[in-house]
N, C-alpha and C. Protein backbone atom coordinates (compact mmCIF):
# COMPACT_ATOMS: atom_id res chain seq x y z
N MET A 1 29.49 148.45 163.07
CA MET A 1 30.87 147.85 162.72
C MET A 1 31.83 147.82 164.04
N PHE A 2 31.14 148.42 165.07
CA PHE A 2 32.37 148.55 166.63
C PHE A 2 32.14 146.97 167.31
N GLU A 3 31.27 146.20 166.64
CA GLU A 3 31.18 145.12 167.70
C GLU A 3 31.92 144.15 167.09
N LYS A 4 32.72 144.55 166.05
CA LYS A 4 33.79 143.30 165.49
C LYS A 4 34.93 143.33 165.98
N LEU A 5 35.40 144.70 166.47
CA LEU A 5 36.69 144.80 167.52
C LEU A 5 36.57 144.26 168.76
N VAL A 6 35.39 144.20 169.21
CA VAL A 6 35.16 143.40 170.67
C VAL A 6 36.62 142.34 170.91
N PRO A 7 36.00 140.93 169.79
CA PRO A 7 36.94 139.80 170.00
C PRO A 7 38.77 140.33 169.77
N LEU A 8 38.90 141.73 169.36
CA LEU A 8 40.41 141.75 169.39
C LEU A 8 41.07 142.17 170.10
N GLY A 9 40.08 142.77 171.77
CA GLY A 9 40.82 143.04 172.68
C GLY A 9 40.43 144.10 172.77
N LEU A 10 39.24 144.62 172.90
CA LEU A 10 38.68 146.59 172.71
C LEU A 10 37.35 145.95 173.35
N THR A 11 37.15 146.51 174.83
CA THR A 11 35.95 146.39 175.15
C THR A 11 34.51 147.27 173.95
N GLN A 12 33.44 146.72 174.28
CA GLN A 12 32.47 147.47 173.52
C GLN A 12 32.51 149.37 173.70
N THR A 13 32.98 149.51 174.40
CA THR A 13 33.09 150.89 174.96
C THR A 13 33.80 151.52 174.00
N GLU A 14 35.17 151.00 174.42
CA GLU A 14 36.28 151.51 173.14
C GLU A 14 36.52 151.03 172.07
N SER A 15 35.83 150.54 171.61
CA SER A 15 35.48 150.01 170.38
C SER A 15 34.86 151.09 169.28
N LYS A 16 33.33 151.45 169.97
CA LYS A 16 32.30 152.17 170.15
C LYS A 16 33.20 153.88 169.72
N ILE A 17 33.96 154.56 170.68
CA ILE A 17 34.41 155.61 170.78
C ILE A 17 35.50 155.55 169.63
N TYR A 18 36.19 154.61 169.28
CA TYR A 18 37.50 154.44 168.26
C TYR A 18 36.88 154.06 167.26
N VAL A 19 35.63 153.74 166.66
CA VAL A 19 35.22 153.85 165.20
C VAL A 19 34.24 155.25 165.14
N THR A 20 33.79 155.85 166.39
CA THR A 20 33.11 157.05 165.88
C THR A 20 34.73 158.63 165.74
N LEU A 21 35.82 157.91 165.99
CA LEU A 21 37.18 158.57 166.17
C LEU A 21 36.76 158.42 164.58
N ILE A 22 37.28 157.33 163.98
CA ILE A 22 37.39 156.97 162.59
C ILE A 22 36.92 158.10 162.16
N ASP A 23 34.98 158.15 162.20
CA ASP A 23 34.25 158.93 161.30
C ASP A 23 34.58 160.21 161.19
N VAL A 24 34.89 161.08 162.48
CA VAL A 24 34.90 162.39 162.96
C VAL A 24 36.57 162.91 162.44
N GLY A 25 37.28 161.74 162.51
CA GLY A 25 38.33 162.60 162.44
C GLY A 25 39.28 163.00 163.44
N ARG A 26 38.59 164.04 164.26
CA ARG A 26 39.49 164.57 165.65
C ARG A 26 37.79 165.05 166.74
N ALA A 27 37.55 165.22 167.79
CA ALA A 27 36.88 165.63 168.40
C ALA A 27 37.03 165.61 170.16
N GLN A 28 36.36 166.37 171.04
CA GLN A 28 36.40 166.69 172.25
C GLN A 28 35.68 165.91 173.24
N ALA A 29 35.70 165.22 174.09
CA ALA A 29 35.28 164.12 174.61
C ALA A 29 33.28 164.40 175.28
N GLY A 30 33.26 165.79 174.97
CA GLY A 30 31.85 166.22 175.14
C GLY A 30 31.59 166.15 173.78
N ILE A 31 32.07 165.64 172.78
CA ILE A 31 31.07 165.64 171.06
C ILE A 31 30.98 164.18 171.21
N ILE A 32 32.59 163.43 171.84
CA ILE A 32 31.88 161.76 171.44
C ILE A 32 30.94 161.51 172.20
N SER A 33 30.71 161.89 173.51
CA SER A 33 30.33 161.28 174.66
C SER A 33 28.40 161.68 173.92
N ARG A 34 28.26 162.70 172.92
CA ARG A 34 26.68 162.96 172.78
C ARG A 34 26.78 162.02 171.25
N LYS A 35 27.50 161.77 170.38
CA LYS A 35 27.86 160.94 169.50
C LYS A 35 27.37 159.39 169.68
N THR A 36 27.59 159.18 170.61
CA THR A 36 27.78 157.95 171.31
C THR A 36 27.05 156.84 172.05
N GLY A 37 26.67 158.62 172.99
CA GLY A 37 25.72 158.09 173.69
C GLY A 37 26.06 157.16 175.30
N ILE A 38 27.46 157.24 175.25
CA ILE A 38 28.08 157.04 176.29
C ILE A 38 28.45 158.43 177.58
N HIS A 39 28.51 157.79 178.89
CA HIS A 39 28.65 159.08 180.02
C HIS A 39 29.89 159.37 179.55
N ARG A 40 29.87 161.10 179.50
CA ARG A 40 31.28 161.12 179.35
C ARG A 40 32.21 160.81 180.60
N ARG A 41 31.94 160.48 182.17
CA ARG A 41 33.28 159.70 182.65
C ARG A 41 33.67 158.60 181.94
N SER A 42 32.85 158.25 181.48
CA SER A 42 33.24 156.61 180.72
C SER A 42 34.01 157.17 179.79
N VAL A 43 33.38 158.04 178.84
CA VAL A 43 34.32 158.58 177.46
C VAL A 43 35.77 158.49 178.07
N TYR A 44 35.82 159.58 179.20
CA TYR A 44 37.53 159.85 179.51
C TYR A 44 37.86 158.04 179.69
N ASP A 45 37.53 157.81 180.96
CA ASP A 45 38.31 156.54 181.23
C ASP A 45 38.83 155.79 180.04
N ALA A 46 37.49 155.30 179.19
CA ALA A 46 38.08 154.24 177.86
C ALA A 46 38.98 155.18 176.79
N LEU A 47 38.70 156.71 176.54
CA LEU A 47 39.93 157.16 176.11
C LEU A 47 41.79 156.95 176.49
N GLU A 48 41.51 156.99 177.78
CA GLU A 48 43.11 156.34 178.43
C GLU A 48 43.35 155.53 177.91
N ARG A 49 42.32 154.12 178.12
CA ARG A 49 42.74 153.31 177.55
C ARG A 49 42.93 152.89 176.29
N LEU A 50 42.48 153.45 175.35
CA LEU A 50 42.83 153.65 173.94
C LEU A 50 44.31 154.23 173.72
N ILE A 51 44.21 155.55 174.19
CA ILE A 51 45.75 156.19 174.81
C ILE A 51 46.85 154.99 174.52
N GLU A 52 46.28 154.19 176.26
CA GLU A 52 47.15 153.44 176.18
C GLU A 52 47.76 151.92 175.51
N LYS A 53 46.93 152.08 175.08
CA LYS A 53 46.86 150.78 173.76
C LYS A 53 47.56 151.09 172.01
N GLY A 54 47.68 152.56 172.17
CA GLY A 54 48.68 153.13 170.81
C GLY A 54 47.41 152.88 170.02
N LEU A 55 45.76 153.39 170.54
CA LEU A 55 45.04 153.64 169.37
C LEU A 55 44.28 155.24 169.07
N VAL A 56 44.62 155.97 170.35
CA VAL A 56 44.02 157.28 170.16
C VAL A 56 45.67 158.14 170.64
N ALA A 57 45.54 159.24 170.43
CA ALA A 57 46.52 160.65 170.61
C ALA A 57 45.34 161.62 170.55
N TYR A 58 46.26 162.76 171.36
CA TYR A 58 45.24 163.81 171.62
C TYR A 58 46.05 165.47 171.31
N ILE A 59 45.57 166.10 170.91
CA ILE A 59 46.26 167.00 170.81
C ILE A 59 45.12 168.89 171.39
N LYS A 60 46.44 169.45 171.60
CA LYS A 60 45.74 170.74 172.15
C LYS A 60 46.02 172.29 171.69
N GLU A 61 44.80 172.59 171.39
CA GLU A 61 44.38 173.56 170.77
C GLU A 61 43.70 174.73 171.75
N ASN A 62 43.93 175.64 172.27
CA ASN A 62 43.82 176.87 172.71
C ASN A 62 43.16 176.26 174.24
N ASP A 63 44.03 175.41 174.66
CA ASP A 63 43.58 174.77 175.79
C ASP A 63 42.61 173.98 175.98
N LYS A 64 42.33 173.31 174.68
CA LYS A 64 41.24 171.98 174.75
C LYS A 64 41.78 171.83 173.84
N ARG A 65 41.32 170.10 175.09
CA ARG A 65 41.90 168.67 174.34
C ARG A 65 41.12 167.97 172.72
N PHE A 66 42.00 167.97 172.06
CA PHE A 66 41.07 167.23 170.95
C PHE A 66 41.88 165.51 170.81
N TYR A 67 41.11 164.88 170.60
CA TYR A 67 41.48 162.98 170.63
C TYR A 67 41.13 163.09 168.82
N VAL A 68 42.07 162.26 168.56
CA VAL A 68 42.38 161.67 167.12
C VAL A 68 42.71 159.99 166.85
N PRO A 69 42.37 159.63 165.85
CA PRO A 69 42.67 158.25 166.17
C PRO A 69 43.69 157.83 165.46
N GLU A 70 44.23 156.78 165.96
CA GLU A 70 45.81 156.06 165.30
C GLU A 70 45.44 155.21 164.25
N ASN A 71 46.48 155.30 163.27
CA ASN A 71 46.01 154.00 162.14
C ASN A 71 45.65 152.71 162.97
N PRO A 72 44.71 152.55 161.81
CA PRO A 72 43.79 151.36 162.35
C PRO A 72 45.06 150.13 162.58
N GLN A 73 45.98 150.05 161.70
CA GLN A 73 46.62 148.80 161.18
C GLN A 73 47.49 148.48 162.81
N ARG A 74 47.51 149.42 163.70
CA ARG A 74 47.24 149.27 164.94
C ARG A 74 46.62 148.29 165.51
N LEU A 75 45.56 148.03 164.88
CA LEU A 75 44.96 146.48 165.51
C LEU A 75 44.97 145.63 165.24
N ALA A 76 45.74 145.17 164.06
CA ALA A 76 46.49 144.25 163.84
C ALA A 76 47.54 143.47 164.65
N GLU A 77 48.70 144.81 165.04
CA GLU A 77 49.38 144.92 166.14
C GLU A 77 49.21 144.30 166.85
N LEU A 78 48.20 145.02 167.97
CA LEU A 78 47.61 144.10 168.87
C LEU A 78 47.03 143.09 168.90
N LEU A 79 46.29 142.35 168.00
CA LEU A 79 46.07 141.37 167.47
C LEU A 79 47.21 140.32 167.49
N LYS A 80 48.30 140.50 166.63
CA LYS A 80 49.80 140.10 166.90
C LYS A 80 50.33 139.65 168.39
N GLN A 81 50.50 140.69 168.96
CA GLN A 81 50.51 140.57 170.12
C GLN A 81 50.08 139.69 171.05
N THR A 82 49.01 140.01 171.63
CA THR A 82 47.97 139.30 172.14
C THR A 82 48.66 137.32 171.49
N GLU A 83 48.30 137.30 170.63
CA GLU A 83 48.22 136.09 170.01
C GLU A 83 49.80 135.74 170.37
N THR A 84 51.05 136.43 170.36
CA THR A 84 52.43 135.78 171.14
C THR A 84 52.30 136.04 172.51
N ASP A 85 51.46 136.84 172.98
CA ASP A 85 51.25 136.77 174.52
C ASP A 85 50.42 134.80 175.18
N LEU A 86 49.51 134.78 173.99
CA LEU A 86 48.94 133.63 174.57
C LEU A 86 49.50 132.71 174.44
N ASN A 87 50.34 132.52 173.39
CA ASN A 87 51.28 131.44 173.16
C ASN A 87 52.55 131.20 174.28
N SER A 88 52.78 132.24 174.59
CA SER A 88 53.98 132.24 176.06
C SER A 88 53.37 131.44 177.17
N LEU A 89 51.57 132.20 177.06
CA LEU A 89 50.99 130.99 178.34
C LEU A 89 50.48 130.22 178.68
N LEU A 90 50.21 129.60 176.81
CA LEU A 90 49.62 128.16 176.64
C LEU A 90 50.40 127.16 177.39
N PRO A 91 51.50 126.81 177.27
CA PRO A 91 52.23 126.17 177.70
C PRO A 91 52.38 125.96 179.70
N SER A 92 52.23 126.88 179.93
CA SER A 92 52.05 126.94 181.52
C SER A 92 50.33 126.44 181.46
N LEU A 93 49.72 127.02 181.21
CA LEU A 93 48.29 126.95 181.34
C LEU A 93 47.43 125.04 181.38
N ASN A 94 48.45 124.69 180.08
CA ASN A 94 47.94 123.27 179.69
C ASN A 94 48.62 122.45 180.96
N ALA A 95 49.66 122.53 181.22
CA ALA A 95 50.24 122.09 181.87
C ALA A 95 49.92 121.86 183.41
N LYS A 96 49.08 123.25 184.01
CA LYS A 96 47.99 123.35 184.89
C LYS A 96 47.41 122.38 185.00
N PHE A 97 46.11 122.52 183.84
CA PHE A 97 44.84 121.98 182.90
C PHE A 97 45.26 120.61 183.23
N LYS A 98 45.98 120.22 182.69
CA LYS A 98 46.50 118.56 182.98
C LYS A 98 46.50 117.78 184.49
N GLU A 99 47.57 119.24 185.22
CA GLU A 99 47.92 118.39 186.91
C GLU A 99 46.41 118.30 187.48
N ALA A 100 45.40 119.65 186.99
CA ALA A 100 44.24 119.11 187.71
C ALA A 100 43.55 118.35 188.03
N LYS A 101 43.49 118.25 186.31
CA LYS A 101 42.89 116.58 185.55
C LYS A 101 43.18 115.18 186.12
N GLN A 102 44.80 115.49 186.40
CA GLN A 102 44.64 114.36 187.01
C GLN A 102 44.87 114.22 188.61
N LYS A 103 44.60 114.61 189.53
CA LYS A 103 44.67 115.56 190.98
C LYS A 103 42.99 114.38 191.08
N GLN A 104 42.03 114.74 189.87
CA GLN A 104 40.95 113.92 190.63
C GLN A 104 39.88 113.76 188.92
N GLU A 105 39.22 113.09 188.53
CA GLU A 105 38.25 112.80 187.46
C GLU A 105 36.96 111.57 188.47
N THR A 106 35.83 112.39 188.16
CA THR A 106 34.84 111.32 188.65
C THR A 106 33.66 111.72 187.75
N THR A 107 33.63 110.55 187.12
CA THR A 107 32.46 109.98 186.57
C THR A 107 31.59 109.13 186.47
N PHE A 108 30.33 108.98 186.29
CA PHE A 108 29.65 108.60 186.50
C PHE A 108 28.68 107.56 185.41
N TYR A 109 28.18 106.46 185.95
CA TYR A 109 28.28 105.82 185.14
C TYR A 109 26.50 104.76 185.72
N ARG A 110 25.99 104.45 184.60
CA ARG A 110 24.60 104.01 184.70
C ARG A 110 23.87 102.77 183.33
N GLY A 111 23.72 102.15 184.25
CA GLY A 111 23.16 100.61 183.54
C GLY A 111 24.69 99.90 183.09
N VAL A 112 24.02 98.78 182.57
CA VAL A 112 25.09 97.66 182.65
C VAL A 112 26.14 97.84 182.01
N GLU A 113 26.21 98.60 180.68
CA GLU A 113 26.69 99.39 179.59
C GLU A 113 28.16 99.73 180.58
N GLY A 114 27.63 100.90 181.18
CA GLY A 114 28.29 101.59 182.62
C GLY A 114 29.45 101.11 182.97
N ILE A 115 28.76 99.59 183.76
CA ILE A 115 29.48 98.62 184.29
C ILE A 115 30.70 98.23 184.01
N LYS A 116 30.21 97.65 182.35
CA LYS A 116 31.10 97.07 181.34
C LYS A 116 32.59 98.13 180.99
N ALA A 117 32.24 99.35 181.36
CA ALA A 117 33.15 99.98 180.85
C ALA A 117 34.35 99.93 182.16
N ILE A 118 33.95 100.02 183.26
CA ILE A 118 34.77 100.28 184.35
C ILE A 118 35.22 98.96 184.57
N PHE A 119 34.98 97.74 183.97
CA PHE A 119 35.39 96.16 184.04
C PHE A 119 36.91 96.45 182.75
N ASP A 120 36.71 96.90 182.02
CA ASP A 120 37.26 97.55 180.34
C ASP A 120 38.26 98.12 181.39
N ASP A 121 37.90 98.82 181.85
CA ASP A 121 39.16 99.99 182.15
C ASP A 121 40.08 99.25 183.49
N GLN A 122 39.79 98.14 184.36
CA GLN A 122 40.50 97.69 184.80
C GLN A 122 41.54 97.34 184.28
N ILE A 123 41.06 96.07 183.00
CA ILE A 123 42.15 95.85 182.63
C ILE A 123 43.17 96.34 181.34
N ASN A 124 42.58 97.52 180.93
CA ASN A 124 43.35 98.76 180.37
C ASN A 124 44.38 98.91 181.54
N VAL A 125 44.15 99.39 182.88
CA VAL A 125 45.35 99.21 183.76
C VAL A 125 46.37 98.53 184.07
N GLY A 126 45.34 97.28 183.85
CA GLY A 126 46.27 96.43 184.17
C GLY A 126 47.22 95.82 185.55
N GLU A 127 46.34 96.45 186.34
CA GLU A 127 47.40 96.56 187.77
C GLU A 127 45.90 95.46 188.74
N ASP A 128 46.64 94.60 190.04
CA ASP A 128 45.58 94.26 190.61
C ASP A 128 44.44 94.73 191.10
N VAL A 129 43.23 93.81 191.20
CA VAL A 129 41.91 95.29 191.76
C VAL A 129 41.66 93.86 192.91
N PHE A 130 41.30 95.19 193.80
CA PHE A 130 40.89 94.89 195.15
C PHE A 130 39.57 95.26 195.08
N ILE A 131 38.48 94.39 196.08
CA ILE A 131 37.55 94.34 195.64
C ILE A 131 36.87 94.24 197.10
N MET A 132 35.96 95.13 197.81
CA MET A 132 35.43 95.26 199.75
C MET A 132 34.04 94.85 198.55
N GLY A 133 33.22 93.80 199.42
CA GLY A 133 32.15 93.82 199.17
C GLY A 133 31.76 92.95 197.93
N ALA A 134 32.48 91.93 197.63
CA ALA A 134 32.14 91.46 195.62
C ALA A 134 30.45 91.30 195.75
N ALA A 135 29.84 91.52 194.76
CA ALA A 135 29.17 91.48 194.31
C ALA A 135 28.46 90.05 194.01
N LYS A 136 27.66 89.03 194.91
CA LYS A 136 27.17 87.72 194.22
C LYS A 136 26.13 87.70 193.36
N ASN A 137 25.38 89.01 192.89
CA ASN A 137 24.56 89.10 191.78
C ASN A 137 25.28 89.35 190.64
N ALA A 138 26.70 89.54 190.40
CA ALA A 138 27.07 89.94 189.33
C ALA A 138 27.12 88.86 188.08
N PRO A 139 27.13 87.93 188.25
CA PRO A 139 26.73 87.05 187.11
C PRO A 139 25.53 87.18 186.20
N ASP A 140 24.65 87.24 187.28
CA ASP A 140 23.35 87.43 186.79
C ASP A 140 23.29 88.67 186.16
N ILE A 141 23.57 89.92 186.80
CA ILE A 141 23.42 91.40 185.96
C ILE A 141 24.44 91.26 184.56
N LEU A 142 25.55 90.99 184.60
CA LEU A 142 26.55 90.62 183.57
C LEU A 142 26.61 89.80 182.63
N LYS A 143 26.16 88.83 183.44
CA LYS A 143 25.91 87.41 182.09
C LYS A 143 26.96 87.59 181.18
N TYR A 144 27.40 87.32 180.13
CA TYR A 144 27.76 86.73 179.35
C TYR A 144 29.14 87.44 179.17
N TYR A 145 29.22 88.14 179.47
CA TYR A 145 30.17 89.80 179.59
C TYR A 145 31.27 89.43 181.02
N LEU A 146 31.35 88.41 181.71
CA LEU A 146 31.87 88.25 182.57
C LEU A 146 32.66 87.62 182.59
N GLY A 147 32.31 86.16 181.12
CA GLY A 147 33.47 85.55 181.09
C GLY A 147 34.37 86.27 180.25
N HIS A 148 33.53 87.23 179.53
CA HIS A 148 34.49 87.64 178.54
C HIS A 148 36.07 88.78 179.38
N TYR A 149 35.11 88.94 180.21
CA TYR A 149 36.04 90.20 180.89
C TYR A 149 37.22 89.30 181.81
N THR A 150 36.73 87.62 182.36
CA THR A 150 37.74 86.85 183.11
C THR A 150 38.86 86.51 182.32
N ALA A 151 38.36 86.40 181.00
CA ALA A 151 39.20 85.80 179.75
C ALA A 151 40.16 86.86 179.47
N LYS A 152 39.78 88.17 179.47
CA LYS A 152 40.87 89.07 179.15
C LYS A 152 42.13 89.83 180.29
N ARG A 153 41.12 89.17 181.41
CA ARG A 153 42.00 89.04 183.05
C ARG A 153 43.15 89.02 183.20
N VAL A 154 42.58 87.45 182.59
CA VAL A 154 43.74 86.46 182.83
C VAL A 154 44.67 86.27 181.96
N ALA A 155 44.34 86.80 180.31
CA ALA A 155 45.54 86.98 179.39
C ALA A 155 46.80 88.25 179.79
N LYS A 156 46.15 88.91 180.55
CA LYS A 156 46.84 90.33 180.78
C LYS A 156 47.34 89.96 182.53
N LYS A 157 47.48 88.94 182.96
CA LYS A 157 47.28 88.74 184.08
C LYS A 157 47.15 89.86 185.44
N VAL A 158 45.97 90.42 185.69
CA VAL A 158 45.24 90.90 186.62
C VAL A 158 44.89 89.93 187.48
N LYS A 159 45.15 89.92 188.68
CA LYS A 159 44.69 89.53 189.86
C LYS A 159 43.19 89.95 190.29
N LEU A 160 42.88 89.51 191.08
CA LEU A 160 41.42 89.63 191.73
C LEU A 160 41.58 89.23 193.44
N HIS A 161 41.59 90.42 194.11
CA HIS A 161 41.48 90.26 195.77
C HIS A 161 40.36 90.46 196.28
N LEU A 162 39.33 89.58 196.14
CA LEU A 162 37.60 89.94 196.80
C LEU A 162 37.66 89.46 198.28
N ILE A 163 36.57 90.42 198.78
CA ILE A 163 36.18 90.24 200.04
C ILE A 163 34.54 89.84 200.29
N TYR A 164 34.08 88.82 200.03
CA TYR A 164 32.58 88.84 200.23
C TYR A 164 32.02 88.68 201.38
N ALA A 165 30.86 88.74 201.54
CA ALA A 165 30.20 88.73 202.99
C ALA A 165 29.32 87.83 202.79
N GLY A 166 29.24 86.80 203.83
CA GLY A 166 28.63 85.72 203.83
C GLY A 166 29.23 84.69 202.98
N LYS A 167 28.35 83.65 202.09
CA LYS A 167 29.52 82.53 201.07
C LYS A 167 28.99 82.71 199.94
N ARG A 168 29.55 82.49 198.88
CA ARG A 168 29.31 82.71 197.45
C ARG A 168 28.65 81.82 197.16
N THR A 169 28.10 82.26 196.14
CA THR A 169 26.24 81.29 195.46
C THR A 169 27.25 80.07 194.82
N SER A 170 28.53 80.81 194.07
CA SER A 170 29.09 79.48 193.17
C SER A 170 30.06 78.82 193.90
N ALA A 171 30.77 78.17 193.42
CA ALA A 171 31.73 77.25 194.38
C ALA A 171 32.62 77.12 193.54
N GLU A 172 32.58 77.84 191.96
CA GLU A 172 33.70 77.51 191.18
C GLU A 172 34.71 78.92 191.68
N PRO A 173 35.90 78.20 191.16
CA PRO A 173 37.36 79.14 191.72
C PRO A 173 37.26 80.20 190.53
N ILE A 174 37.45 81.13 191.44
CA ILE A 174 38.17 82.20 190.44
C ILE A 174 39.03 82.34 189.56
N PRO A 175 39.66 82.49 188.46
CA PRO A 175 41.41 82.57 187.84
C PRO A 175 41.56 83.53 188.33
N LEU A 176 42.87 83.59 188.65
CA LEU A 176 43.45 84.44 189.22
C LEU A 176 42.99 85.46 190.66
N GLY A 177 42.69 84.78 191.16
CA GLY A 177 41.74 85.44 192.54
C GLY A 177 41.67 84.36 193.45
N GLU A 178 41.93 85.62 194.59
CA GLU A 178 42.52 85.25 196.15
C GLU A 178 40.76 86.10 196.27
N VAL A 179 40.12 84.88 197.40
CA VAL A 179 38.66 85.46 198.06
C VAL A 179 39.19 84.84 199.85
N ARG A 180 38.45 85.87 200.52
CA ARG A 180 38.55 85.95 201.69
C ARG A 180 36.78 86.40 201.92
N PHE A 181 36.24 86.07 203.68
CA PHE A 181 35.39 86.07 203.74
C PHE A 181 34.89 87.03 204.90
N LEU A 182 33.71 87.46 204.76
CA LEU A 182 33.13 88.41 206.00
C LEU A 182 32.15 88.01 206.51
N PRO A 183 31.59 88.15 208.26
CA PRO A 183 30.21 87.81 208.13
C PRO A 183 29.03 88.31 207.34
N ASP A 184 27.79 87.80 207.69
CA ASP A 184 26.60 88.21 206.67
C ASP A 184 26.64 89.88 207.00
N GLU A 185 26.89 90.45 208.52
CA GLU A 185 26.28 91.75 208.78
C GLU A 185 26.70 92.21 207.87
N PHE A 186 27.88 92.21 207.32
CA PHE A 186 28.90 93.29 206.36
C PHE A 186 27.93 92.87 205.29
N ALA A 187 27.21 92.55 205.06
CA ALA A 187 26.37 92.52 202.78
C ALA A 187 25.82 93.85 203.04
N SER A 188 26.21 93.77 201.59
CA SER A 188 25.93 95.33 201.36
C SER A 188 25.84 95.14 199.27
N PRO A 189 24.71 96.36 198.89
CA PRO A 189 24.16 96.07 197.60
C PRO A 189 25.66 96.71 196.67
N VAL A 190 26.11 97.54 197.65
CA VAL A 190 27.39 98.61 197.00
C VAL A 190 28.77 97.56 197.35
N SER A 191 29.87 97.91 196.50
CA SER A 191 30.73 97.39 195.93
C SER A 191 31.94 98.55 195.83
N THR A 192 33.59 97.82 196.28
CA THR A 192 34.16 99.04 195.70
C THR A 192 35.18 98.41 195.33
N ASN A 193 35.52 98.70 194.05
CA ASN A 193 36.90 98.70 193.20
C ASN A 193 37.92 99.53 193.49
N ILE A 194 38.83 98.90 193.92
CA ILE A 194 40.60 99.74 193.92
C ILE A 194 41.24 99.20 192.87
N TYR A 195 41.72 100.17 191.83
CA TYR A 195 42.88 99.23 191.02
C TYR A 195 43.59 100.87 190.42
N GLY A 196 44.90 100.52 190.67
CA GLY A 196 45.96 102.09 190.15
C GLY A 196 45.67 102.91 191.05
N ASP A 197 45.24 104.42 190.52
CA ASP A 197 44.83 105.52 191.31
C ASP A 197 43.44 105.73 191.17
N LYS A 198 42.77 104.48 191.12
CA LYS A 198 41.00 104.48 191.08
C LYS A 198 41.12 103.83 191.87
N VAL A 199 39.12 104.10 192.16
CA VAL A 199 38.24 103.26 192.87
C VAL A 199 36.74 104.07 191.92
N ALA A 200 36.10 102.62 191.93
CA ALA A 200 34.67 102.49 191.26
C ALA A 200 33.81 102.16 192.51
N ILE A 201 33.17 102.88 193.01
CA ILE A 201 31.89 102.27 193.82
C ILE A 201 30.83 102.29 192.67
N ILE A 202 30.45 100.48 193.04
CA ILE A 202 29.39 100.18 192.18
C ILE A 202 27.64 99.80 193.19
N ILE A 203 27.12 100.57 192.65
CA ILE A 203 25.96 99.56 193.26
C ILE A 203 24.51 98.69 192.59
N TRP A 204 25.33 97.26 192.97
CA TRP A 204 24.42 96.35 191.89
C TRP A 204 22.71 96.05 192.11
N SER A 205 22.41 97.29 191.35
CA SER A 205 21.06 96.64 191.80
C SER A 205 20.16 96.59 190.53
N PHE A 206 18.72 96.65 190.27
CA PHE A 206 18.47 96.04 188.64
C PHE A 206 19.42 96.82 187.62
N GLU A 207 19.30 98.60 187.70
CA GLU A 207 20.27 98.79 186.57
C GLU A 207 20.97 99.42 187.39
N PRO A 208 22.17 98.68 187.50
CA PRO A 208 23.67 99.38 187.98
C PRO A 208 23.92 100.81 187.90
N VAL A 209 24.11 101.09 189.12
CA VAL A 209 25.28 102.80 188.98
C VAL A 209 26.41 102.47 189.84
N ALA A 210 27.23 103.12 189.08
CA ALA A 210 28.90 103.68 189.66
C ALA A 210 29.42 104.77 189.46
N ILE A 211 30.28 105.04 190.31
CA ILE A 211 30.89 106.35 190.25
C ILE A 211 32.33 106.02 190.30
N LEU A 212 33.17 106.40 189.29
CA LEU A 212 34.00 105.79 189.18
C LEU A 212 35.79 107.51 189.37
N ILE A 213 36.32 107.01 190.43
CA ILE A 213 36.86 108.65 191.29
C ILE A 213 38.72 108.30 190.75
N LYS A 214 39.10 108.67 190.20
CA LYS A 214 40.73 109.01 189.54
C LYS A 214 40.99 109.91 190.80
N ASN A 215 41.63 109.36 191.30
CA ASN A 215 42.45 110.08 192.96
C ASN A 215 43.62 109.63 193.20
N GLN A 216 44.44 109.43 192.92
CA GLN A 216 45.71 108.39 194.00
C GLN A 216 45.58 108.68 195.54
N GLU A 217 45.37 109.55 195.86
CA GLU A 217 45.18 110.05 197.49
C GLU A 217 44.08 109.51 197.99
N ILE A 218 43.04 109.28 197.18
CA ILE A 218 41.51 108.77 197.45
C ILE A 218 41.47 106.99 197.41
N ALA A 219 42.54 106.74 196.75
CA ALA A 219 42.49 105.17 196.10
C ALA A 219 43.56 104.85 196.98
N THR A 220 44.39 105.18 197.96
CA THR A 220 45.56 105.16 199.06
C THR A 220 44.71 105.10 200.43
N THR A 221 43.46 105.78 200.45
CA THR A 221 42.68 105.90 201.91
C THR A 221 41.99 104.33 201.31
N TYR A 222 41.02 104.09 200.48
CA TYR A 222 40.48 103.26 200.35
C TYR A 222 41.35 101.74 200.05
N GLN A 223 42.26 101.77 199.55
CA GLN A 223 43.29 100.79 199.92
C GLN A 223 43.90 99.72 201.38
N ALA A 224 44.08 101.09 202.01
CA ALA A 224 44.05 101.00 203.75
C ALA A 224 42.90 100.23 204.33
N TYR A 225 41.73 100.77 203.78
CA TYR A 225 40.21 100.34 204.15
C TYR A 225 40.48 98.57 203.94
N PHE A 226 40.87 98.56 202.83
CA PHE A 226 40.96 97.15 202.09
C PHE A 226 41.68 96.29 203.22
N ASP A 227 42.85 97.02 203.11
CA ASP A 227 43.84 95.86 204.02
C ASP A 227 43.71 95.40 205.58
N VAL A 228 42.83 96.72 205.92
CA VAL A 228 42.02 96.32 207.37
C VAL A 228 41.21 95.16 207.80
N LEU A 229 40.07 95.49 206.40
CA LEU A 229 39.75 94.49 206.41
C LEU A 229 39.42 92.82 205.75
N TRP A 230 40.93 93.08 205.18
CA TRP A 230 41.38 91.81 204.35
C TRP A 230 42.62 91.12 205.52
N LYS A 231 42.56 91.48 206.94
CA LYS A 231 43.45 90.95 207.43
C LYS A 231 42.21 90.19 208.36
N LEU A 232 41.31 90.91 208.26
CA LEU A 232 39.93 90.06 209.32
C LEU A 232 38.77 88.85 209.09
N ALA A 233 39.40 89.17 207.53
CA ALA A 233 38.23 88.31 206.57
C ALA A 233 39.20 86.69 206.95
N LYS A 234 38.24 86.06 206.40
CA LYS A 234 38.45 84.58 206.66
C LYS A 234 38.91 84.11 205.57
C-alpha cells in the first residue's frame, strides 16, 4: 500500500513509516525501525519530515516519545496544495520553456523528403531566401518537386538570392531569383540556405542530408557571411 503514497509527494521511507503508524496506532522510533526494517537514524529524519507535513504528531509518556499518525485526510490536503503550487508555477515554467525552445531548435533531415520539408518551410516562413553554394544537381535530386516549389514560391513572392560556384548547368532564368557567381574553387556539395531566423545546411549527395537550425543569432551571422560573398561574386 505504501508505494501508492509516493506519487502524492512522500518518499518511499516516509510512506512506509506512515502506513506502519496507521497499522499500529502509535510507536516509538525503535519499534518503527524494527517493523519497517529502516535504519533508526533514517526513521528519525523521516518522522521529522512527516511532522512538518502534518501527517505525524508525537506524545510524551514517562519521558518517552511516541509517534502517532494524523488523519489520512491530510494527504488529500497536501495533494491539493501541491496542485495549487504547480498551477502557480506553470505559467513561468511554460514561458521559460518556450523562450528556450525559440532560442534554438536543431532538426536533422535525411533523404529527398527531408529536403522537401525544408523547402516547404521556406514557403511557410515567406521571407527571402539567401543561398550560399547553390546546388547545380538540385533539379536532378528533387526532379518534379522543384517546379512545384517554384510555383508556390512565386505565388507567395518569396525571392531567392543565389551564389553559385562556377557556371550554372541551365540557362533558364530563375523566377524571382537573383544570381551571382564565384570562381570554381568555391565549389562544394554543401549549400547553406538562410531565411528568417533559420539556417538550413544541405549536403547534396545521392541521399541528401540536412541540418535545420532555428536561431536568430546564428541566422544573422550566416547572413553576414552571405553579404560578404555577395559583394565578391559577379
